[in-house]
Amino acid sequence: MVRRPVAWIVAVVLLAEALGIAALNWFMGVVVDRQNMSMAGLDPDKMSMSAKIGGVVFGLYFALCALVALLVAIRNRAPAGLGRVLLISVAVVHGLLGAVAWGLVGWKAFLYMVVVLALVVLLLMTYDRENGAVAAAGGDAGGGGTGEGADASGSGSDPGLEDGGPAPEPEPVTKDAPPAAPVTPPAPTTP
């Protein structure tokens, strides 16, 4: 299967991006600090500090996304909850970065961002396809499609049937029942 290798590749690529983004922003902060640059009257120390903090924050974000991909590769299970949200958000970030990279850096950076986006989407979709096929087969995600949730007769339709016999007949509707009262909307309470 392709799921685990894709998860390993995504984990390695995202970890490399985390280190690269953190190092690049830290370097930019050092350059701004040493050259004492100012842009539109902003304090150079604040610019330097914000570049370093931004690099650390985005580096940690990509490292956390890499950790989620690594756990998916190790466990061979679909990401759930916050992990799934993180992988979806990193896919969106790569789509946006790809659009910006096309205009600012060139087509090679755009191609790289699109490849990483495709890998993350492939990681998410391969597990979705597996879960959908298992659900269609009648089993749960942990059962491997064997139908462990079914009852002894294999019907799996009504957990209340222990003997596997025919379902009880529904109660017949009597014609002696009074007709239902017409439904009227409530009156408005404000004048």
N, C-alpha and C. Protein backbone atom coordinates (compact mmCIF):
# COMPACT_ATOMS: atom_id res chain seq x y z
N MET A 1 0.82 -1.19 0.00
CA MET A 1 0.00 0.00 0.00
C MET A 1 0.86 1.25 0.00
N VAL A 2 0.26 2.34 -0.35
CA VAL A 2 0.98 3.59 -0.50
C VAL A 2 0.85 4.49 0.73
N ARG A 3 -0.03 4.11 1.66
CA ARG A 3 -0.34 5.00 2.77
C ARG A 3 0.86 5.27 3.67
N ARG A 4 1.50 4.24 4.13
CA ARG A 4 2.61 4.42 5.09
C ARG A 4 3.79 5.15 4.48
N PRO A 5 4.24 4.80 3.25
CA PRO A 5 5.34 5.57 2.67
C PRO A 5 5.01 7.04 2.49
N VAL A 6 3.76 7.33 2.10
CA VAL A 6 3.36 8.74 1.94
C VAL A 6 3.40 9.45 3.28
N ALA A 7 2.94 8.77 4.33
CA ALA A 7 2.97 9.38 5.67
C ALA A 7 4.40 9.64 6.12
N TRP A 8 5.32 8.71 5.85
CA TRP A 8 6.72 8.91 6.21
C TRP A 8 7.31 10.09 5.42
N ILE A 9 7.00 10.16 4.13
CA ILE A 9 7.53 11.26 3.30
C ILE A 9 6.99 12.59 3.80
N VAL A 10 5.69 12.65 4.08
CA VAL A 10 5.10 13.89 4.58
C VAL A 10 5.74 14.30 5.91
N ALA A 11 5.99 13.35 6.79
CA ALA A 11 6.61 13.66 8.08
C ALA A 11 8.01 14.23 7.88
N VAL A 12 8.79 13.63 7.01
CA VAL A 12 10.16 14.11 6.78
C VAL A 12 10.15 15.49 6.12
N VAL A 13 9.29 15.68 5.12
CA VAL A 13 9.23 16.96 4.42
C VAL A 13 8.78 18.07 5.37
N LEU A 14 7.75 17.80 6.18
CA LEU A 14 7.27 18.83 7.09
C LEU A 14 8.29 19.16 8.18
N LEU A 15 9.03 18.15 8.63
CA LEU A 15 10.07 18.42 9.62
C LEU A 15 11.20 19.25 9.00
N ALA A 16 11.56 18.95 7.76
CA ALA A 16 12.58 19.77 7.08
C ALA A 16 12.09 21.20 6.88
N GLU A 17 10.82 21.35 6.53
CA GLU A 17 10.25 22.69 6.39
C GLU A 17 10.24 23.43 7.72
N ALA A 18 9.93 22.72 8.80
CA ALA A 18 9.91 23.35 10.12
C ALA A 18 11.29 23.90 10.45
N LEU A 19 12.31 23.09 10.25
CA LEU A 19 13.67 23.56 10.53
C LEU A 19 14.08 24.69 9.59
N GLY A 20 13.72 24.57 8.31
CA GLY A 20 14.08 25.59 7.33
C GLY A 20 13.41 26.93 7.60
N ILE A 21 12.12 26.91 7.91
CA ILE A 21 11.41 28.16 8.18
C ILE A 21 11.91 28.81 9.45
N ALA A 22 12.14 28.01 10.50
CA ALA A 22 12.65 28.58 11.75
C ALA A 22 14.03 29.18 11.54
N ALA A 23 14.91 28.49 10.82
CA ALA A 23 16.26 28.99 10.59
C ALA A 23 16.24 30.25 9.71
N LEU A 24 15.40 30.25 8.68
CA LEU A 24 15.33 31.41 7.78
C LEU A 24 14.84 32.65 8.52
N ASN A 25 13.78 32.51 9.29
CA ASN A 25 13.27 33.67 10.02
C ASN A 25 14.24 34.12 11.10
N TRP A 26 14.91 33.19 11.74
CA TRP A 26 15.91 33.57 12.74
C TRP A 26 17.05 34.34 12.08
N PHE A 27 17.49 33.87 10.91
CA PHE A 27 18.54 34.56 10.17
C PHE A 27 18.10 35.96 9.76
N MET A 28 16.87 36.09 9.31
CA MET A 28 16.36 37.42 8.92
C MET A 28 16.30 38.34 10.14
N GLY A 29 15.92 37.80 11.29
CA GLY A 29 15.91 38.62 12.50
C GLY A 29 17.30 39.08 12.89
N VAL A 30 18.29 38.21 12.74
CA VAL A 30 19.67 38.58 13.05
C VAL A 30 20.18 39.65 12.09
N VAL A 31 19.86 39.50 10.80
CA VAL A 31 20.30 40.49 9.80
C VAL A 31 19.68 41.85 10.11
N VAL A 32 18.41 41.89 10.41
CA VAL A 32 17.75 43.16 10.73
C VAL A 32 18.38 43.78 11.97
N ASP A 33 18.68 42.94 12.95
CA ASP A 33 19.26 43.44 14.20
C ASP A 33 20.66 44.01 13.99
N ARG A 34 21.50 43.31 13.23
CA ARG A 34 22.89 43.74 13.04
C ARG A 34 23.01 44.96 12.13
N GLN A 35 22.14 45.08 11.15
CA GLN A 35 22.22 46.22 10.25
C GLN A 35 21.41 47.40 10.76
N ASN A 36 20.69 47.19 11.84
CA ASN A 36 19.89 48.24 12.45
C ASN A 36 18.94 48.87 11.43
N MET A 37 18.27 48.00 10.67
CA MET A 37 17.33 48.47 9.65
C MET A 37 16.02 48.90 10.28
N SER A 38 15.36 49.81 9.61
CA SER A 38 14.04 50.23 10.04
C SER A 38 13.15 50.37 8.81
N MET A 39 11.92 49.99 8.96
CA MET A 39 10.99 50.08 7.84
C MET A 39 9.78 50.90 8.29
N ALA A 40 9.57 52.03 7.64
CA ALA A 40 8.45 52.92 7.94
C ALA A 40 8.46 53.35 9.41
N GLY A 41 9.63 53.55 9.97
CA GLY A 41 9.74 54.06 11.33
C GLY A 41 9.56 53.03 12.42
N LEU A 42 9.51 51.74 12.07
CA LEU A 42 9.37 50.69 13.08
C LEU A 42 10.70 50.50 13.81
N ASP A 43 10.61 50.12 15.06
CA ASP A 43 11.80 49.89 15.86
C ASP A 43 12.52 48.63 15.37
N PRO A 44 13.82 48.71 15.05
CA PRO A 44 14.54 47.53 14.54
C PRO A 44 14.57 46.37 15.54
N ASP A 45 14.64 46.68 16.83
CA ASP A 45 14.65 45.59 17.82
C ASP A 45 13.33 44.82 17.81
N LYS A 46 12.22 45.54 17.65
CA LYS A 46 10.91 44.87 17.60
C LYS A 46 10.77 44.06 16.31
N MET A 47 11.30 44.59 15.21
CA MET A 47 11.24 43.85 13.95
C MET A 47 12.05 42.57 14.05
N SER A 48 13.22 42.67 14.64
CA SER A 48 14.09 41.50 14.79
C SER A 48 13.44 40.46 15.70
N MET A 49 12.90 40.91 16.80
CA MET A 49 12.27 39.99 17.75
C MET A 49 11.03 39.33 17.13
N SER A 50 10.24 40.09 16.40
CA SER A 50 9.03 39.52 15.80
C SER A 50 9.39 38.51 14.71
N ALA A 51 10.47 38.74 13.96
CA ALA A 51 10.89 37.76 12.96
C ALA A 51 11.33 36.46 13.64
N LYS A 52 12.05 36.59 14.74
CA LYS A 52 12.50 35.39 15.45
C LYS A 52 11.33 34.64 16.07
N ILE A 53 10.41 35.37 16.68
CA ILE A 53 9.23 34.72 17.28
C ILE A 53 8.37 34.06 16.21
N GLY A 54 8.18 34.76 15.09
CA GLY A 54 7.42 34.17 13.99
C GLY A 54 8.06 32.90 13.46
N GLY A 55 9.39 32.90 13.36
CA GLY A 55 10.09 31.71 12.91
C GLY A 55 9.91 30.55 13.86
N VAL A 56 9.98 30.82 15.15
CA VAL A 56 9.81 29.75 16.14
C VAL A 56 8.36 29.23 16.11
N VAL A 57 7.39 30.13 16.02
CA VAL A 57 5.98 29.71 16.02
C VAL A 57 5.66 28.87 14.79
N PHE A 58 6.07 29.34 13.61
CA PHE A 58 5.78 28.57 12.40
C PHE A 58 6.60 27.28 12.34
N GLY A 59 7.81 27.32 12.87
CA GLY A 59 8.59 26.10 12.95
C GLY A 59 7.94 25.06 13.84
N LEU A 60 7.42 25.49 14.99
CA LEU A 60 6.72 24.57 15.88
C LEU A 60 5.43 24.04 15.25
N TYR A 61 4.74 24.90 14.51
CA TYR A 61 3.51 24.48 13.83
C TYR A 61 3.82 23.37 12.82
N PHE A 62 4.83 23.59 11.97
CA PHE A 62 5.18 22.57 10.99
C PHE A 62 5.73 21.32 11.67
N ALA A 63 6.46 21.48 12.77
CA ALA A 63 6.97 20.31 13.50
C ALA A 63 5.81 19.50 14.10
N LEU A 64 4.79 20.19 14.60
CA LEU A 64 3.62 19.49 15.14
C LEU A 64 2.88 18.74 14.03
N CYS A 65 2.77 19.36 12.87
CA CYS A 65 2.14 18.68 11.73
C CYS A 65 2.98 17.47 11.31
N ALA A 66 4.31 17.61 11.36
CA ALA A 66 5.19 16.47 11.04
C ALA A 66 5.01 15.36 12.06
N LEU A 67 4.82 15.72 13.32
CA LEU A 67 4.59 14.71 14.35
C LEU A 67 3.29 13.95 14.09
N VAL A 68 2.26 14.65 13.67
CA VAL A 68 0.99 13.98 13.34
C VAL A 68 1.20 13.01 12.18
N ALA A 69 1.91 13.44 11.15
CA ALA A 69 2.17 12.55 10.02
C ALA A 69 3.03 11.35 10.45
N LEU A 70 3.97 11.59 11.35
CA LEU A 70 4.81 10.50 11.86
C LEU A 70 3.97 9.49 12.64
N LEU A 71 3.05 9.97 13.46
CA LEU A 71 2.17 9.06 14.20
C LEU A 71 1.26 8.28 13.27
N VAL A 72 0.81 8.91 12.19
CA VAL A 72 0.00 8.20 11.20
C VAL A 72 0.82 7.10 10.56
N ALA A 73 2.09 7.39 10.26
CA ALA A 73 2.96 6.38 9.63
C ALA A 73 3.25 5.23 10.59
N ILE A 74 3.46 5.53 11.85
CA ILE A 74 3.79 4.48 12.81
C ILE A 74 2.57 3.62 13.12
N ARG A 75 1.44 4.26 13.39
CA ARG A 75 0.23 3.52 13.80
C ARG A 75 -0.53 2.92 12.63
N ASN A 76 -0.32 3.47 11.43
CA ASN A 76 -1.05 3.05 10.24
C ASN A 76 -2.56 3.21 10.42
N ARG A 77 -2.95 4.31 11.05
CA ARG A 77 -4.36 4.65 11.24
C ARG A 77 -4.58 6.07 10.77
N ALA A 78 -5.78 6.35 10.39
CA ALA A 78 -6.13 7.68 9.92
C ALA A 78 -6.01 8.70 11.05
N PRO A 79 -5.58 9.91 10.74
CA PRO A 79 -5.54 10.93 11.78
C PRO A 79 -6.96 11.32 12.18
N ALA A 80 -7.13 11.64 13.45
CA ALA A 80 -8.46 12.00 13.93
C ALA A 80 -8.36 13.24 14.80
N GLY A 81 -9.44 13.96 14.90
CA GLY A 81 -9.52 15.11 15.79
C GLY A 81 -8.56 16.22 15.40
N LEU A 82 -7.77 16.66 16.37
CA LEU A 82 -6.85 17.77 16.16
C LEU A 82 -5.79 17.43 15.12
N GLY A 83 -5.35 16.19 15.07
CA GLY A 83 -4.36 15.80 14.07
C GLY A 83 -4.87 15.96 12.66
N ARG A 84 -6.12 15.58 12.44
CA ARG A 84 -6.71 15.75 11.11
C ARG A 84 -6.86 17.22 10.76
N VAL A 85 -7.26 18.02 11.74
CA VAL A 85 -7.39 19.46 11.51
C VAL A 85 -6.03 20.07 11.17
N LEU A 86 -4.98 19.63 11.87
CA LEU A 86 -3.64 20.15 11.59
C LEU A 86 -3.19 19.78 10.17
N LEU A 87 -3.44 18.55 9.75
CA LEU A 87 -3.03 18.16 8.40
C LEU A 87 -3.84 18.90 7.33
N ILE A 88 -5.10 19.13 7.58
CA ILE A 88 -5.90 19.90 6.62
C ILE A 88 -5.40 21.34 6.57
N SER A 89 -5.09 21.91 7.74
CA SER A 89 -4.61 23.30 7.74
C SER A 89 -3.25 23.42 7.08
N VAL A 90 -2.36 22.42 7.24
CA VAL A 90 -1.06 22.51 6.58
C VAL A 90 -1.22 22.35 5.07
N ALA A 91 -2.22 21.62 4.62
CA ALA A 91 -2.50 21.53 3.19
C ALA A 91 -2.96 22.89 2.66
N VAL A 92 -3.82 23.55 3.40
CA VAL A 92 -4.28 24.88 2.99
C VAL A 92 -3.13 25.87 2.97
N VAL A 93 -2.26 25.81 3.98
CA VAL A 93 -1.09 26.70 4.04
C VAL A 93 -0.20 26.47 2.83
N HIS A 94 0.00 25.23 2.44
CA HIS A 94 0.85 24.97 1.27
C HIS A 94 0.20 25.45 -0.02
N GLY A 95 -1.12 25.37 -0.09
CA GLY A 95 -1.80 25.92 -1.25
C GLY A 95 -1.62 27.43 -1.34
N LEU A 96 -1.77 28.11 -0.21
CA LEU A 96 -1.58 29.56 -0.20
C LEU A 96 -0.13 29.95 -0.47
N LEU A 97 0.80 29.23 0.16
CA LEU A 97 2.21 29.51 -0.09
C LEU A 97 2.59 29.24 -1.54
N GLY A 98 1.98 28.23 -2.14
CA GLY A 98 2.24 27.96 -3.55
C GLY A 98 1.77 29.10 -4.44
N ALA A 99 0.61 29.66 -4.13
CA ALA A 99 0.11 30.79 -4.92
C ALA A 99 1.01 32.01 -4.78
N VAL A 100 1.50 32.25 -3.56
CA VAL A 100 2.40 33.38 -3.34
C VAL A 100 3.76 33.11 -3.98
N ALA A 101 4.23 31.87 -3.87
CA ALA A 101 5.55 31.53 -4.41
C ALA A 101 5.59 31.67 -5.92
N TRP A 102 4.47 31.42 -6.59
CA TRP A 102 4.43 31.56 -8.04
C TRP A 102 4.78 32.98 -8.45
N GLY A 103 4.24 33.95 -7.75
CA GLY A 103 4.47 35.34 -8.11
C GLY A 103 5.80 35.88 -7.59
N LEU A 104 6.24 35.45 -6.41
CA LEU A 104 7.43 36.04 -5.80
C LEU A 104 8.72 35.29 -6.09
N VAL A 105 8.67 33.97 -6.10
CA VAL A 105 9.90 33.18 -6.21
C VAL A 105 10.05 32.55 -7.58
N GLY A 106 8.99 31.95 -8.09
CA GLY A 106 9.07 31.32 -9.40
C GLY A 106 8.35 30.00 -9.42
N TRP A 107 8.40 29.35 -10.58
CA TRP A 107 7.62 28.14 -10.76
C TRP A 107 8.19 26.95 -10.01
N LYS A 108 9.48 26.94 -9.72
CA LYS A 108 10.06 25.80 -9.00
C LYS A 108 9.55 25.75 -7.56
N ALA A 109 9.48 26.89 -6.91
CA ALA A 109 8.93 26.93 -5.55
C ALA A 109 7.44 26.59 -5.56
N PHE A 110 6.74 27.07 -6.59
CA PHE A 110 5.32 26.72 -6.73
C PHE A 110 5.16 25.22 -6.89
N LEU A 111 6.00 24.60 -7.73
CA LEU A 111 5.92 23.16 -7.95
C LEU A 111 6.19 22.39 -6.67
N TYR A 112 7.16 22.84 -5.88
CA TYR A 112 7.46 22.18 -4.61
C TYR A 112 6.25 22.25 -3.68
N MET A 113 5.65 23.43 -3.55
CA MET A 113 4.49 23.59 -2.67
C MET A 113 3.32 22.73 -3.13
N VAL A 114 3.12 22.63 -4.43
CA VAL A 114 2.01 21.82 -4.95
C VAL A 114 2.27 20.33 -4.69
N VAL A 115 3.53 19.90 -4.81
CA VAL A 115 3.86 18.50 -4.54
C VAL A 115 3.60 18.17 -3.06
N VAL A 116 4.01 19.05 -2.16
CA VAL A 116 3.76 18.82 -0.74
C VAL A 116 2.26 18.84 -0.46
N LEU A 117 1.55 19.76 -1.07
CA LEU A 117 0.09 19.80 -0.93
C LEU A 117 -0.53 18.49 -1.40
N ALA A 118 -0.08 17.99 -2.54
CA ALA A 118 -0.63 16.73 -3.06
C ALA A 118 -0.31 15.56 -2.13
N LEU A 119 0.87 15.55 -1.54
CA LEU A 119 1.22 14.47 -0.62
C LEU A 119 0.34 14.48 0.63
N VAL A 120 0.09 15.68 1.16
CA VAL A 120 -0.75 15.77 2.36
C VAL A 120 -2.19 15.36 2.03
N VAL A 121 -2.69 15.81 0.89
CA VAL A 121 -4.05 15.44 0.49
C VAL A 121 -4.13 13.93 0.23
N LEU A 122 -3.08 13.37 -0.39
CA LEU A 122 -3.06 11.93 -0.62
C LEU A 122 -3.05 11.17 0.70
N LEU A 123 -2.31 11.66 1.66
CA LEU A 123 -2.29 11.04 2.98
C LEU A 123 -3.68 11.04 3.61
N LEU A 124 -4.37 12.17 3.52
CA LEU A 124 -5.72 12.25 4.10
C LEU A 124 -6.73 11.40 3.32
N MET A 125 -6.62 11.38 2.02
CA MET A 125 -7.63 10.69 1.20
C MET A 125 -7.48 9.17 1.20
N THR A 126 -6.27 8.66 1.31
CA THR A 126 -6.12 7.21 1.30
C THR A 126 -6.76 6.59 2.53
N TYR A 127 -6.67 7.26 3.66
CA TYR A 127 -7.31 6.74 4.86
C TYR A 127 -8.81 6.92 4.79
N ASP A 128 -9.30 7.99 4.17
CA ASP A 128 -10.74 8.18 4.02
C ASP A 128 -11.34 7.10 3.14
N ARG A 129 -10.64 6.74 2.07
CA ARG A 129 -11.15 5.73 1.16
C ARG A 129 -11.24 4.39 1.87
N GLU A 130 -10.23 4.07 2.69
CA GLU A 130 -10.24 2.81 3.42
C GLU A 130 -11.40 2.78 4.41
N ASN A 131 -11.60 3.87 5.15
CA ASN A 131 -12.69 3.91 6.13
C ASN A 131 -14.05 3.84 5.45
N GLY A 132 -14.20 4.47 4.29
CA GLY A 132 -15.47 4.41 3.57
C GLY A 132 -15.76 3.02 3.06
N ALA A 133 -14.73 2.29 2.58
CA ALA A 133 -14.93 0.93 2.09
C ALA A 133 -15.28 -0.01 3.23
N VAL A 134 -14.67 0.18 4.39
CA VAL A 134 -14.97 -0.67 5.54
C VAL A 134 -16.38 -0.40 6.02
N ALA A 135 -16.79 0.87 6.05
CA ALA A 135 -18.14 1.20 6.49
C ALA A 135 -19.18 0.63 5.52
N ALA A 136 -18.87 0.64 4.23
CA ALA A 136 -19.80 0.09 3.25
C ALA A 136 -19.90 -1.43 3.37
N ALA A 137 -18.83 -2.06 3.84
CA ALA A 137 -18.84 -3.52 4.00
C ALA A 137 -19.58 -3.94 5.27
N GLY A 138 -19.85 -2.99 6.17
CA GLY A 138 -20.63 -3.32 7.36
C GLY A 138 -19.80 -3.46 8.60
N GLY A 139 -18.50 -3.31 8.52
CA GLY A 139 -17.67 -3.44 9.71
C GLY A 139 -17.28 -2.08 10.23
N ASP A 140 -16.60 -2.08 11.36
CA ASP A 140 -16.10 -0.82 11.89
C ASP A 140 -14.67 -0.65 11.45
N ALA A 141 -14.08 0.52 11.72
CA ALA A 141 -12.74 0.82 11.25
C ALA A 141 -11.71 -0.09 11.88
N GLY A 142 -11.90 -0.52 13.10
CA GLY A 142 -10.94 -1.38 13.77
C GLY A 142 -11.13 -2.85 13.43
N GLY A 143 -12.26 -3.21 12.87
CA GLY A 143 -12.55 -4.61 12.61
C GLY A 143 -12.01 -5.12 11.30
N GLY A 144 -11.52 -4.23 10.45
CA GLY A 144 -10.98 -4.67 9.19
C GLY A 144 -12.04 -5.19 8.23
N GLY A 145 -13.28 -4.79 8.41
CA GLY A 145 -14.33 -5.19 7.49
C GLY A 145 -14.87 -6.58 7.75
N THR A 146 -14.60 -7.16 8.90
CA THR A 146 -15.07 -8.51 9.18
C THR A 146 -16.47 -8.52 9.73
N GLY A 147 -17.02 -7.38 10.05
CA GLY A 147 -18.38 -7.34 10.57
C GLY A 147 -18.45 -7.77 12.01
N GLU A 148 -17.51 -7.39 12.82
CA GLU A 148 -17.51 -7.78 14.22
C GLU A 148 -18.69 -7.19 14.98
N GLY A 149 -19.28 -6.14 14.46
CA GLY A 149 -20.40 -5.52 15.15
C GLY A 149 -21.71 -6.22 14.86
N ALA A 150 -21.73 -7.22 13.98
CA ALA A 150 -22.96 -7.89 13.64
C ALA A 150 -23.32 -8.89 14.73
N ASP A 151 -24.62 -9.27 14.76
CA ASP A 151 -25.06 -10.24 15.76
C ASP A 151 -24.74 -11.65 15.27
N ALA A 152 -25.14 -12.66 16.04
CA ALA A 152 -24.77 -14.04 15.75
C ALA A 152 -25.33 -14.53 14.43
N SER A 153 -26.49 -14.03 14.02
CA SER A 153 -27.08 -14.51 12.77
C SER A 153 -26.42 -13.86 11.56
N GLY A 154 -25.64 -12.80 11.79
CA GLY A 154 -24.96 -12.14 10.69
C GLY A 154 -25.79 -11.06 10.05
N SER A 155 -27.04 -10.87 10.51
CA SER A 155 -27.86 -9.85 9.87
C SER A 155 -27.41 -8.46 10.25
N GLY A 156 -27.10 -8.23 11.51
CA GLY A 156 -26.58 -6.96 11.96
C GLY A 156 -27.58 -5.83 11.87
N SER A 157 -28.87 -6.14 11.58
CA SER A 157 -29.82 -5.07 11.38
C SER A 157 -30.46 -4.58 12.67
N ASP A 158 -30.77 -5.47 13.60
CA ASP A 158 -31.43 -5.07 14.83
C ASP A 158 -30.73 -5.71 16.00
N PRO A 159 -30.06 -4.91 16.84
CA PRO A 159 -29.36 -5.52 17.96
C PRO A 159 -30.30 -6.11 19.00
N GLY A 160 -31.60 -5.84 18.95
CA GLY A 160 -32.53 -6.36 19.93
C GLY A 160 -32.95 -7.80 19.64
N LEU A 161 -32.64 -8.33 18.49
CA LEU A 161 -33.01 -9.70 18.15
C LEU A 161 -31.91 -10.64 18.59
N GLU A 162 -32.19 -11.49 19.58
CA GLU A 162 -31.18 -12.42 20.05
C GLU A 162 -31.23 -13.74 19.30
N ASP A 163 -32.45 -14.15 18.88
CA ASP A 163 -32.55 -15.47 18.28
C ASP A 163 -32.35 -15.45 16.78
N GLY A 164 -32.29 -14.30 16.17
CA GLY A 164 -32.08 -14.21 14.73
C GLY A 164 -33.33 -14.52 13.94
N GLY A 165 -34.47 -14.61 14.58
CA GLY A 165 -35.72 -14.93 13.90
C GLY A 165 -36.25 -13.72 13.16
N PRO A 166 -37.47 -13.88 12.63
CA PRO A 166 -38.05 -12.76 11.88
C PRO A 166 -38.39 -11.60 12.82
N ALA A 167 -38.40 -10.43 12.26
CA ALA A 167 -38.70 -9.23 13.03
C ALA A 167 -40.18 -9.23 13.43
N PRO A 168 -40.51 -8.70 14.60
CA PRO A 168 -41.93 -8.67 15.01
C PRO A 168 -42.72 -7.74 14.09
N GLU A 169 -44.00 -8.08 13.94
CA GLU A 169 -44.89 -7.29 13.11
C GLU A 169 -45.15 -5.94 13.77
N PRO A 170 -45.21 -4.88 12.99
CA PRO A 170 -45.56 -3.58 13.58
C PRO A 170 -47.03 -3.57 13.99
N GLU A 171 -47.34 -2.77 14.99
CA GLU A 171 -48.72 -2.69 15.46
C GLU A 171 -49.60 -2.07 14.38
N PRO A 172 -50.76 -2.70 14.13
CA PRO A 172 -51.63 -2.15 13.09
C PRO A 172 -52.26 -0.83 13.56
N VAL A 173 -52.51 0.04 12.61
CA VAL A 173 -53.15 1.32 12.90
C VAL A 173 -54.66 1.08 12.91
N THR A 174 -55.29 1.45 14.02
CA THR A 174 -56.73 1.25 14.13
C THR A 174 -57.46 2.40 13.48
N LYS A 175 -58.63 2.07 12.92
CA LYS A 175 -59.43 3.10 12.26
C LYS A 175 -60.31 3.83 13.26
N ASP A 176 -60.33 3.37 14.52
CA ASP A 176 -61.16 4.01 15.53
C ASP A 176 -60.46 5.20 16.16
N ALA A 177 -59.22 5.43 15.85
CA ALA A 177 -58.47 6.52 16.46
C ALA A 177 -59.05 7.85 15.99
N PRO A 178 -59.15 8.82 16.90
CA PRO A 178 -59.69 10.13 16.49
C PRO A 178 -58.70 10.84 15.57
N PRO A 179 -59.22 11.65 14.68
CA PRO A 179 -58.32 12.37 13.77
C PRO A 179 -57.47 13.38 14.55
N ALA A 180 -56.30 13.61 14.04
CA ALA A 180 -55.39 14.55 14.70
C ALA A 180 -55.93 15.96 14.56
N ALA A 181 -55.71 16.75 15.60
CA ALA A 181 -56.17 18.14 15.58
C ALA A 181 -55.31 18.94 14.61
N PRO A 182 -55.92 19.93 13.95
CA PRO A 182 -55.12 20.75 13.02
C PRO A 182 -54.05 21.54 13.80
N VAL A 183 -52.92 21.68 13.17
CA VAL A 183 -51.82 22.41 13.81
C VAL A 183 -51.95 23.88 13.43
N THR A 184 -51.98 24.72 14.47
CA THR A 184 -52.05 26.15 14.23
C THR A 184 -50.77 26.78 14.73
N PRO A 185 -50.26 27.76 14.01
CA PRO A 185 -49.02 28.40 14.47
C PRO A 185 -49.29 29.24 15.72
N PRO A 186 -48.31 29.40 16.56
CA PRO A 186 -48.51 30.20 17.78
C PRO A 186 -48.70 31.68 17.42
N ALA A 187 -49.48 32.32 18.25
CA ALA A 187 -49.74 33.74 18.04
C ALA A 187 -48.52 34.56 18.43
N PRO A 188 -48.26 35.65 17.73
CA PRO A 188 -47.11 36.48 18.11
C PRO A 188 -47.35 37.14 19.48
N THR A 189 -46.26 37.28 20.23
CA THR A 189 -46.38 37.82 21.58
C THR A 189 -45.99 39.29 21.66
N THR A 190 -45.37 39.80 20.64
CA THR A 190 -44.98 41.22 20.68
C THR A 190 -45.95 42.03 19.85
N PRO A 191 -46.28 43.24 20.33
CA PRO A 191 -47.26 44.04 19.57
C PRO A 191 -46.65 44.67 18.35
